[in-house]
Structures are given as C-alpha cells and as structure tokens.
PDB file of N, CA and C in Angstrom:
ATOM      1  N   MET A   1    -261.838 -53.927  76.545  1.00  0.00           N
ATOM      2  CA  MET A   1    -261.342 -54.608  75.379  1.00  0.00           C
ATOM      3  C   MET A   1    -262.421 -54.570  74.304  1.00  0.00           C
ATOM      4  N   THR A   2    -262.055 -54.064  73.140  1.00  0.00           N
ATOM      5  CA  THR A   2    -263.018 -54.008  72.050  1.00  0.00           C
ATOM      6  C   THR A   2    -262.760 -55.129  71.074  1.00  0.00           C
ATOM      7  N   ARG A   3    -263.819 -55.610  70.478  1.00  0.00           N
ATOM      8  CA  ARG A   3    -263.697 -56.712  69.526  1.00  0.00           C
ATOM      9  C   ARG A   3    -263.638 -56.147  68.129  1.00  0.00           C
ATOM     10  N   ARG A   4    -262.762 -56.715  67.339  1.00  0.00           N
ATOM     11  CA  ARG A   4    -262.669 -56.313  65.947  1.00  0.00           C
ATOM     12  C   ARG A   4    -263.667 -57.109  65.132  1.00  0.00           C
ATOM     13  N   PRO A   5    -264.288 -56.479  64.154  1.00  0.00           N
ATOM     14  CA  PRO A   5    -265.200 -57.239  63.292  1.00  0.00           C
ATOM     15  C   PRO A   5    -264.434 -58.279  62.503  1.00  0.00           C
ATOM     16  N   ARG A   6    -265.094 -59.381  62.210  1.00  0.00           N
ATOM     17  CA  ARG A   6    -264.463 -60.470  61.467  1.00  0.00           C
ATOM     18  C   ARG A   6    -265.127 -60.614  60.117  1.00  0.00           C
ATOM     19  N   GLY A   7    -264.427 -61.240  59.232  1.00  0.00           N
ATOM     20  CA  GLY A   7    -265.011 -61.524  57.928  1.00  0.00           C
ATOM     21  C   GLY A   7    -264.437 -60.634  56.849  1.00  0.00           C
ATOM     22  N   SER A   8    -265.174 -60.488  55.759  1.00  0.00           N
ATOM     23  CA  SER A   8    -264.666 -59.771  54.595  1.00  0.00           C
ATOM     24  C   SER A   8    -264.530 -58.281  54.851  1.00  0.00           C
ATOM     25  N   LYS A   9    -265.181 -57.751  55.857  1.00  0.00           N
ATOM     26  CA  LYS A   9    -265.106 -56.326  56.134  1.00  0.00           C
ATOM     27  C   LYS A   9    -263.739 -55.904  56.647  1.00  0.00           C
ATOM     28  N   THR A  10    -262.964 -56.831  57.186  1.00  0.00           N
ATOM     29  CA  THR A  10    -261.659 -56.484  57.739  1.00  0.00           C
ATOM     30  C   THR A  10    -260.581 -56.419  56.674  1.00  0.00           C
ATOM     31  N   GLY A  11    -260.897 -56.875  55.457  1.00  0.00           N
ATOM     32  CA  GLY A  11    -259.908 -56.831  54.390  1.00  0.00           C
ATOM     33  C   GLY A  11    -259.025 -58.058  54.327  1.00  0.00           C
ATOM     34  N   THR A  12    -259.257 -59.022  55.195  1.00  0.00           N
ATOM     35  CA  THR A  12    -258.446 -60.234  55.151  1.00  0.00           C
ATOM     36  C   THR A  12    -259.081 -61.225  54.192  1.00  0.00           C
ATOM     37  N   LYS A  13    -258.249 -61.975  53.545  1.00  0.00           N
ATOM     38  CA  LYS A  13    -258.751 -62.982  52.619  1.00  0.00           C
ATOM     39  C   LYS A  13    -258.933 -64.302  53.352  1.00  0.00           C
ATOM     40  N   ALA A  14    -259.919 -65.059  52.919  1.00  0.00           N
ATOM     41  CA  ALA A  14    -260.162 -66.368  53.528  1.00  0.00           C
ATOM     42  C   ALA A  14    -259.024 -67.313  53.162  1.00  0.00           C
ATOM     43  N   ARG A  15    -258.593 -68.076  54.141  1.00  0.00           N
ATOM     44  CA  ARG A  15    -257.531 -69.054  53.912  1.00  0.00           C
ATOM     45  C   ARG A  15    -258.148 -70.378  53.503  1.00  0.00           C
ATOM     46  N   PRO A  16    -257.529 -71.065  52.552  1.00  0.00           N
ATOM     47  CA  PRO A  16    -258.065 -72.375  52.180  1.00  0.00           C
ATOM     48  C   PRO A  16    -257.900 -73.363  53.326  1.00  0.00           C
ATOM     49  N   VAL A  17    -258.850 -74.242  53.461  1.00  0.00           N
ATOM     50  CA  VAL A  17    -258.810 -75.256  54.514  1.00  0.00           C
ATOM     51  C   VAL A  17    -258.040 -76.449  53.990  1.00  0.00           C
ATOM     52  N   LYS A  18    -257.060 -76.873  54.764  1.00  0.00           N
ATOM     53  CA  LYS A  18    -256.292 -78.054  54.372  1.00  0.00           C
ATOM     54  C   LYS A  18    -257.089 -79.299  54.714  1.00  0.00           C
ATOM     55  N   SER A  19    -257.139 -80.211  53.793  1.00  0.00           N
ATOM     56  CA  SER A  19    -257.856 -81.453  54.055  1.00  0.00           C
ATOM     57  C   SER A  19    -256.944 -82.411  54.807  1.00  0.00           C
ATOM     58  N   ALA A  20    -257.565 -83.361  55.458  1.00  0.00           N
ATOM     59  CA  ALA A  20    -256.803 -84.363  56.198  1.00  0.00           C
ATOM     60  C   ALA A  20    -256.034 -85.243  55.229  1.00  0.00           C
ATOM     61  N   LYS A  21    -255.006 -85.863  55.726  1.00  0.00           N
ATOM     62  CA  LYS A  21    -254.249 -86.790  54.890  1.00  0.00           C
ATOM     63  C   LYS A  21    -255.174 -87.910  54.444  1.00  0.00           C
ATOM     64  N   PRO A  22    -255.059 -88.378  53.210  1.00  0.00           N
ATOM     65  CA  PRO A  22    -256.002 -89.365  52.688  1.00  0.00           C
ATOM     66  C   PRO A  22    -256.166 -90.596  53.565  1.00  0.00           C
ATOM     67  N   GLY A  23    -255.105 -91.172  54.074  1.00  0.00           N
ATOM     68  CA  GLY A  23    -255.192 -92.395  54.858  1.00  0.00           C
ATOM     69  C   GLY A  23    -255.639 -92.174  56.283  1.00  0.00           C
ATOM     70  N   ARG A  24    -255.368 -91.010  56.814  1.00  0.00           N
ATOM     71  CA  ARG A  24    -255.673 -90.753  58.217  1.00  0.00           C
ATOM     72  C   ARG A  24    -257.175 -90.735  58.483  1.00  0.00           C
ATOM     73  N   GLN A  25    -257.930 -90.040  57.647  1.00  0.00           N
ATOM     74  CA  GLN A  25    -259.378 -89.966  57.854  1.00  0.00           C
ATOM     75  C   GLN A  25    -259.991 -91.354  57.825  1.00  0.00           C
ATOM     76  N   SER A  26    -259.599 -92.151  56.858  1.00  0.00           N
ATOM     77  CA  SER A  26    -260.142 -93.501  56.728  1.00  0.00           C
ATOM     78  C   SER A  26    -259.776 -94.356  57.940  1.00  0.00           C
ATOM     79  N   GLY A  27    -258.548 -94.255  58.391  1.00  0.00           N
ATOM     80  CA  GLY A  27    -258.110 -95.028  59.546  1.00  0.00           C
ATOM     81  C   GLY A  27    -258.836 -94.627  60.811  1.00  0.00           C
ATOM     82  N   ASP A  28    -259.038 -93.315  60.989  1.00  0.00           N
ATOM     83  CA  ASP A  28    -259.747 -92.836  62.166  1.00  0.00           C
ATOM     84  C   ASP A  28    -261.221 -93.247  62.127  1.00  0.00           C
ATOM     85  N   LEU A  29    -261.803 -93.256  60.937  1.00  0.00           N
ATOM     86  CA  LEU A  29    -263.188 -93.717  60.812  1.00  0.00           C
ATOM     87  C   LEU A  29    -263.301 -95.184  61.212  1.00  0.00           C
ATOM     88  N   ASP A  30    -262.354 -95.988  60.752  1.00  0.00           N
ATOM     89  CA  ASP A  30    -262.358 -97.416  61.101  1.00  0.00           C
ATOM     90  C   ASP A  30    -262.206 -97.614  62.606  1.00  0.00           C
ATOM     91  N   LYS A  31    -261.312 -96.845  63.225  1.00  0.00           N
ATOM     92  CA  LYS A  31    -261.103 -96.960  64.672  1.00  0.00           C
ATOM     93  C   LYS A  31    -262.348 -96.533  65.438  1.00  0.00           C
ATOM     94  N   THR A  32    -262.977 -95.441  64.988  1.00  0.00           N
ATOM     95  CA  THR A  32    -264.180 -94.957  65.656  1.00  0.00           C
ATOM     96  C   THR A  32    -265.308 -95.976  65.545  1.00  0.00           C
ATOM     97  N   LEU A  33    -265.489 -96.533  64.360  1.00  0.00           N
ATOM     98  CA  LEU A  33    -266.524 -97.545  64.164  1.00  0.00           C
ATOM     99  C   LEU A  33    -266.243 -98.779  65.013  1.00  0.00           C
ATOM    100  N   ALA A  34    -265.002 -99.197  65.078  1.00  0.00           N
ATOM    101  CA  ALA A  34    -264.635-100.356  65.897  1.00  0.00           C
ATOM    102  C   ALA A  34    -264.926-100.095  67.375  1.00  0.00           C
ATOM    103  N   LEU A  35    -264.657 -98.872  67.850  1.00  0.00           N
ATOM    104  CA  LEU A  35    -264.944 -98.535  69.244  1.00  0.00           C
ATOM    105  C   LEU A  35    -266.438 -98.591  69.525  1.00  0.00           C
ATOM    106  N   ILE A  36    -267.234 -98.049  68.605  1.00  0.00           N
ATOM    107  CA  ILE A  36    -268.678 -98.031  68.811  1.00  0.00           C
ATOM    108  C   ILE A  36    -269.239 -99.451  68.773  1.00  0.00           C
ATOM    109  N   ARG A  37    -268.689-100.286  67.906  1.00  0.00           N
ATOM    110  CA  ARG A  37    -269.138-101.689  67.856  1.00  0.00           C
ATOM    111  C   ARG A  37    -268.726-102.450  69.113  1.00  0.00           C
ATOM    112  N   ALA A  38    -267.543-102.159  69.636  1.00  0.00           N
ATOM    113  CA  ALA A  38    -267.053-102.847  70.834  1.00  0.00           C
ATOM    114  C   ALA A  38    -267.748-102.359  72.100  1.00  0.00           C
ATOM    115  N   HIS A  39    -268.198-101.095  72.083  1.00  0.00           N
ATOM    116  CA  HIS A  39    -268.824-100.491  73.263  1.00  0.00           C
ATOM    117  C   HIS A  39    -270.135 -99.815  72.864  1.00  0.00           C
ATOM    118  N   PRO A  40    -271.187-100.587  72.572  1.00  0.00           N
ATOM    119  CA  PRO A  40    -272.461 -99.963  72.194  1.00  0.00           C
ATOM    120  C   PRO A  40    -272.950 -99.033  73.302  1.00  0.00           C
ATOM    121  N   GLY A  41    -273.436 -97.858  72.911  1.00  0.00           N
ATOM    122  CA  GLY A  41    -273.895 -96.882  73.895  1.00  0.00           C
ATOM    123  C   GLY A  41    -272.782 -95.986  74.399  1.00  0.00           C
ATOM    124  N   ILE A  42    -271.660 -95.979  73.722  1.00  0.00           N
ATOM    125  CA  ILE A  42    -270.523 -95.171  74.137  1.00  0.00           C
ATOM    126  C   ILE A  42    -270.838 -93.684  73.973  1.00  0.00           C
ATOM    127  N   ARG A  43    -270.311 -92.863  74.855  1.00  0.00           N
ATOM    128  CA  ARG A  43    -270.530 -91.427  74.816  1.00  0.00           C
ATOM    129  C   ARG A  43    -269.392 -90.752  74.059  1.00  0.00           C
ATOM    130  N   PRO A  44    -269.647 -89.576  73.507  1.00  0.00           N
ATOM    131  CA  PRO A  44    -268.610 -88.871  72.730  1.00  0.00           C
ATOM    132  C   PRO A  44    -267.319 -88.618  73.512  1.00  0.00           C
ATOM    133  N   SER A  45    -267.433 -88.284  74.781  1.00  0.00           N
ATOM    134  CA  SER A  45    -266.235 -88.024  75.582  1.00  0.00           C
ATOM    135  C   SER A  45    -265.376 -89.279  75.710  1.00  0.00           C
ATOM    136  N   GLU A  46    -266.017 -90.433  75.794  1.00  0.00           N
ATOM    137  CA  GLU A  46    -265.267 -91.689  75.882  1.00  0.00           C
ATOM    138  C   GLU A  46    -264.574 -91.996  74.560  1.00  0.00           C
ATOM    139  N   ILE A  47    -265.255 -91.707  73.441  1.00  0.00           N
ATOM    140  CA  ILE A  47    -264.637 -91.904  72.120  1.00  0.00           C
ATOM    141  C   ILE A  47    -263.412 -91.014  71.997  1.00  0.00           C
ATOM    142  N   ASN A  48    -263.550 -89.744  72.373  1.00  0.00           N
ATOM    143  CA  ASN A  48    -262.429 -88.808  72.293  1.00  0.00           C
ATOM    144  C   ASN A  48    -261.253 -89.285  73.140  1.00  0.00           C
ATOM    145  N   ARG A  49    -261.558 -89.745  74.334  1.00  0.00           N
ATOM    146  CA  ARG A  49    -260.485 -90.192  75.233  1.00  0.00           C
ATOM    147  C   ARG A  49    -259.770 -91.416  74.667  1.00  0.00           C
ATOM    148  N   LEU A  50    -260.534 -92.379  74.161  1.00  0.00           N
ATOM    149  CA  LEU A  50    -259.935 -93.607  73.644  1.00  0.00           C
ATOM    150  C   LEU A  50    -259.164 -93.380  72.339  1.00  0.00           C
ATOM    151  N   LEU A  51    -259.592 -92.388  71.544  1.00  0.00           N
ATOM    152  CA  LEU A  51    -258.883 -92.069  70.303  1.00  0.00           C
ATOM    153  C   LEU A  51    -257.773 -91.037  70.521  1.00  0.00           C
ATOM    154  N   ASN A  52    -257.696 -90.516  71.749  1.00  0.00           N
ATOM    155  CA  ASN A  52    -256.712 -89.489  72.092  1.00  0.00           C
ATOM    156  C   ASN A  52    -256.868 -88.275  71.171  1.00  0.00           C
ATOM    157  N   ARG A  53    -258.105 -87.790  71.077  1.00  0.00           N
ATOM    158  CA  ARG A  53    -258.441 -86.643  70.222  1.00  0.00           C
ATOM    159  C   ARG A  53    -259.146 -85.582  71.050  1.00  0.00           C
ATOM    160  N   GLN A  54    -259.070 -84.334  70.587  1.00  0.00           N
ATOM    161  CA  GLN A  54    -259.803 -83.247  71.221  1.00  0.00           C
ATOM    162  C   GLN A  54    -261.293 -83.382  70.936  1.00  0.00           C
ATOM    163  N   GLU A  55    -261.634 -83.710  69.684  1.00  0.00           N
ATOM    164  CA  GLU A  55    -263.030 -83.876  69.306  1.00  0.00           C
ATOM    165  C   GLU A  55    -263.141 -84.895  68.179  1.00  0.00           C
ATOM    166  N   SER A  56    -264.291 -85.520  68.102  1.00  0.00           N
ATOM    167  CA  SER A  56    -264.503 -86.542  67.081  1.00  0.00           C
ATOM    168  C   SER A  56    -265.848 -86.368  66.387  1.00  0.00           C
ATOM    169  N   ASP A  57    -266.418 -85.174  66.481  1.00  0.00           N
ATOM    170  CA  ASP A  57    -267.754 -84.983  65.925  1.00  0.00           C
ATOM    171  C   ASP A  57    -267.801 -85.154  64.412  1.00  0.00           C
ATOM    172  N   GLY A  58    -266.757 -84.772  63.711  1.00  0.00           N
ATOM    173  CA  GLY A  58    -266.727 -84.967  62.264  1.00  0.00           C
ATOM    174  C   GLY A  58    -266.720 -86.440  61.888  1.00  0.00           C
ATOM    175  N   LEU A  59    -265.959 -87.225  62.628  1.00  0.00           N
ATOM    176  CA  LEU A  59    -265.907 -88.666  62.383  1.00  0.00           C
ATOM    177  C   LEU A  59    -267.253 -89.310  62.675  1.00  0.00           C
ATOM    178  N   ARG A  60    -267.852 -88.939  63.807  1.00  0.00           N
ATOM    179  CA  ARG A  60    -269.143 -89.517  64.185  1.00  0.00           C
ATOM    180  C   ARG A  60    -270.223 -89.145  63.177  1.00  0.00           C
ATOM    181  N   ASN A  61    -270.237 -87.891  62.735  1.00  0.00           N
ATOM    182  CA  ASN A  61    -271.244 -87.462  61.763  1.00  0.00           C
ATOM    183  C   ASN A  61    -271.076 -88.178  60.430  1.00  0.00           C
ATOM    184  N   THR A  62    -269.843 -88.422  60.016  1.00  0.00           N
ATOM    185  CA  THR A  62    -269.598 -89.154  58.777  1.00  0.00           C
ATOM    186  C   THR A  62    -270.145 -90.574  58.883  1.00  0.00           C
ATOM    187  N   LEU A  63    -269.926 -91.227  60.008  1.00  0.00           N
ATOM    188  CA  LEU A  63    -270.428 -92.588  60.207  1.00  0.00           C
ATOM    189  C   LEU A  63    -271.957 -92.619  60.231  1.00  0.00           C
ATOM    190  N   ILE A  64    -272.570 -91.586  60.794  1.00  0.00           N
ATOM    191  CA  ILE A  64    -274.035 -91.508  60.819  1.00  0.00           C
ATOM    192  C   ILE A  64    -274.559 -91.323  59.401  1.00  0.00           C
ATOM    193  N   ARG A  65    -273.941 -90.408  58.634  1.00  0.00           N
ATOM    194  CA  ARG A  65    -274.377 -90.171  57.247  1.00  0.00           C
ATOM    195  C   ARG A  65    -274.247 -91.422  56.391  1.00  0.00           C
ATOM    196  N   ARG A  66    -273.242 -92.234  56.660  1.00  0.00           N
ATOM    197  CA  ARG A  66    -273.039 -93.466  55.897  1.00  0.00           C
ATOM    198  C   ARG A  66    -273.952 -94.597  56.365  1.00  0.00           C
ATOM    199  N   GLY A  67    -274.695 -94.371  57.434  1.00  0.00           N
ATOM    200  CA  GLY A  67    -275.633 -95.375  57.921  1.00  0.00           C
ATOM    201  C   GLY A  67    -274.990 -96.477  58.737  1.00  0.00           C
ATOM    202  N   LEU A  68    -273.780 -96.255  59.234  1.00  0.00           N
ATOM    203  CA  LEU A  68    -273.075 -97.274  60.010  1.00  0.00           C
ATOM    204  C   LEU A  68    -273.304 -97.140  61.508  1.00  0.00           C
ATOM    205  N   VAL A  69    -273.719 -95.944  61.937  1.00  0.00           N
ATOM    206  CA  VAL A  69    -273.876 -95.643  63.358  1.00  0.00           C
ATOM    207  C   VAL A  69    -275.168 -94.850  63.532  1.00  0.00           C
ATOM    208  N   ARG A  70    -275.802 -95.039  64.683  1.00  0.00           N
ATOM    209  CA  ARG A  70    -276.959 -94.221  65.023  1.00  0.00           C
ATOM    210  C   ARG A  70    -276.714 -93.606  66.390  1.00  0.00           C
ATOM    211  N   LYS A  71    -277.308 -92.442  66.621  1.00  0.00           N
ATOM    212  CA  LYS A  71    -277.157 -91.809  67.933  1.00  0.00           C
ATOM    213  C   LYS A  71    -278.506 -91.682  68.588  1.00  0.00           C
ATOM    214  N   GLU A  72    -278.496 -91.814  69.901  1.00  0.00           N
ATOM    215  CA  GLU A  72    -279.719 -91.702  70.693  1.00  0.00           C
ATOM    216  C   GLU A  72    -279.436 -90.814  71.880  1.00  0.00           C
ATOM    217  N   LYS A  73    -280.420 -89.993  72.193  1.00  0.00           N
ATOM    218  CA  LYS A  73    -280.295 -89.134  73.359  1.00  0.00           C
ATOM    219  C   LYS A  73    -281.077 -89.755  74.497  1.00  0.00           C
ATOM    220  N   GLY A  74    -280.391 -89.973  75.584  1.00  0.00           N
ATOM    221  CA  GLY A  74    -281.017 -90.512  76.792  1.00  0.00           C
ATOM    222  C   GLY A  74    -280.794 -89.546  77.932  1.00  0.00           C
ATOM    223  N   GLY A  75    -281.821 -88.768  78.265  1.00  0.00           N
ATOM    224  CA  GLY A  75    -281.634 -87.725  79.279  1.00  0.00           C
ATOM    225  C   GLY A  75    -280.785 -86.619  78.680  1.00  0.00           C
ATOM    226  N   SER A  76    -279.694 -86.309  79.336  1.00  0.00           N
ATOM    227  CA  SER A  76    -278.808 -85.269  78.799  1.00  0.00           C
ATOM    228  C   SER A  76    -277.624 -85.880  78.046  1.00  0.00           C
ATOM    229  N   ALA A  77    -277.530 -87.186  78.026  1.00  0.00           N
ATOM    230  CA  ALA A  77    -276.386 -87.863  77.393  1.00  0.00           C
ATOM    231  C   ALA A  77    -276.708 -88.320  75.983  1.00  0.00           C
ATOM    232  N   MET A  78    -275.758 -88.099  75.080  1.00  0.00           N
ATOM    233  CA  MET A  78    -275.864 -88.616  73.713  1.00  0.00           C
ATOM    234  C   MET A  78    -275.043 -89.895  73.686  1.00  0.00           C
ATOM    235  N   ARG A  79    -275.627 -90.937  73.107  1.00  0.00           N
ATOM    236  CA  ARG A  79    -274.927 -92.224  73.024  1.00  0.00           C
ATOM    237  C   ARG A  79    -274.953 -92.718  71.604  1.00  0.00           C
ATOM    238  N   TYR A  80    -273.924 -93.469  71.236  1.00  0.00           N
ATOM    239  CA  TYR A  80    -273.757 -93.958  69.864  1.00  0.00           C
ATOM    240  C   TYR A  80    -273.795 -95.477  69.843  1.00  0.00           C
ATOM    241  N   TYR A  81    -274.536 -95.992  68.853  1.00  0.00           N
ATOM    242  CA  TYR A  81    -274.729 -97.432  68.697  1.00  0.00           C
ATOM    243  C   TYR A  81    -274.447 -97.831  67.257  1.00  0.00           C
ATOM    244  N   PRO A  82    -273.983 -99.069  67.034  1.00  0.00           N
ATOM    245  CA  PRO A  82    -273.844 -99.534  65.648  1.00  0.00           C
ATOM    246  C   PRO A  82    -275.235 -99.655  65.020  1.00  0.00           C
ATOM    247  N   ALA A  83    -275.319 -99.365  63.741  1.00  0.00           N
ATOM    248  CA  ALA A  83    -276.622 -99.430  63.035  1.00  0.00           C
ATOM    249  C   ALA A  83    -276.910-100.857  62.611  1.00  0.00           C
TER     250      ALA A  83
END
C-alpha cells in the first residue's frame, strides 16, 4: 500500500474549519470547570468519560489559558486542579 502525499501538492484546496456552536463551547467549558472543581486531581480520561466526549483537550487548554485550571504531572499521569 502506497501513501499519497498530502497538502497543497495534491491539488486539493483546504476546507474551512467549522467553528463550534456559540453556546455549546461555553456550556462545555462550564461543565469541564465544574467537574475539575468537584474532583480536584481528575485525569483527562475521567473528564472525557463524564462529559461523554472522545477528547477534551481543547476545553482543558482553554481553561488553563484563562487561568482557571492548572495541570500537574505526577509520574505518568496528568492531573487537573482548580487554580
């Protein structure tokens, strides 16, 4: 099986990225922050499971950038705490 090159060399145009619905992102951020406050030291997999999401890294990074959450690495586990 051969791999085709990706990017502008293939002649395909980049598709615009659709943004999330305005209310959904805010609501998910609130839920994520509430989970971290209720369960200090929560792991990303637990956040994903409780939010019923495949991944939540964008939400977690937004909360960190806003100064509402901090992350700490303990061994091989990443844990999230309210700031």
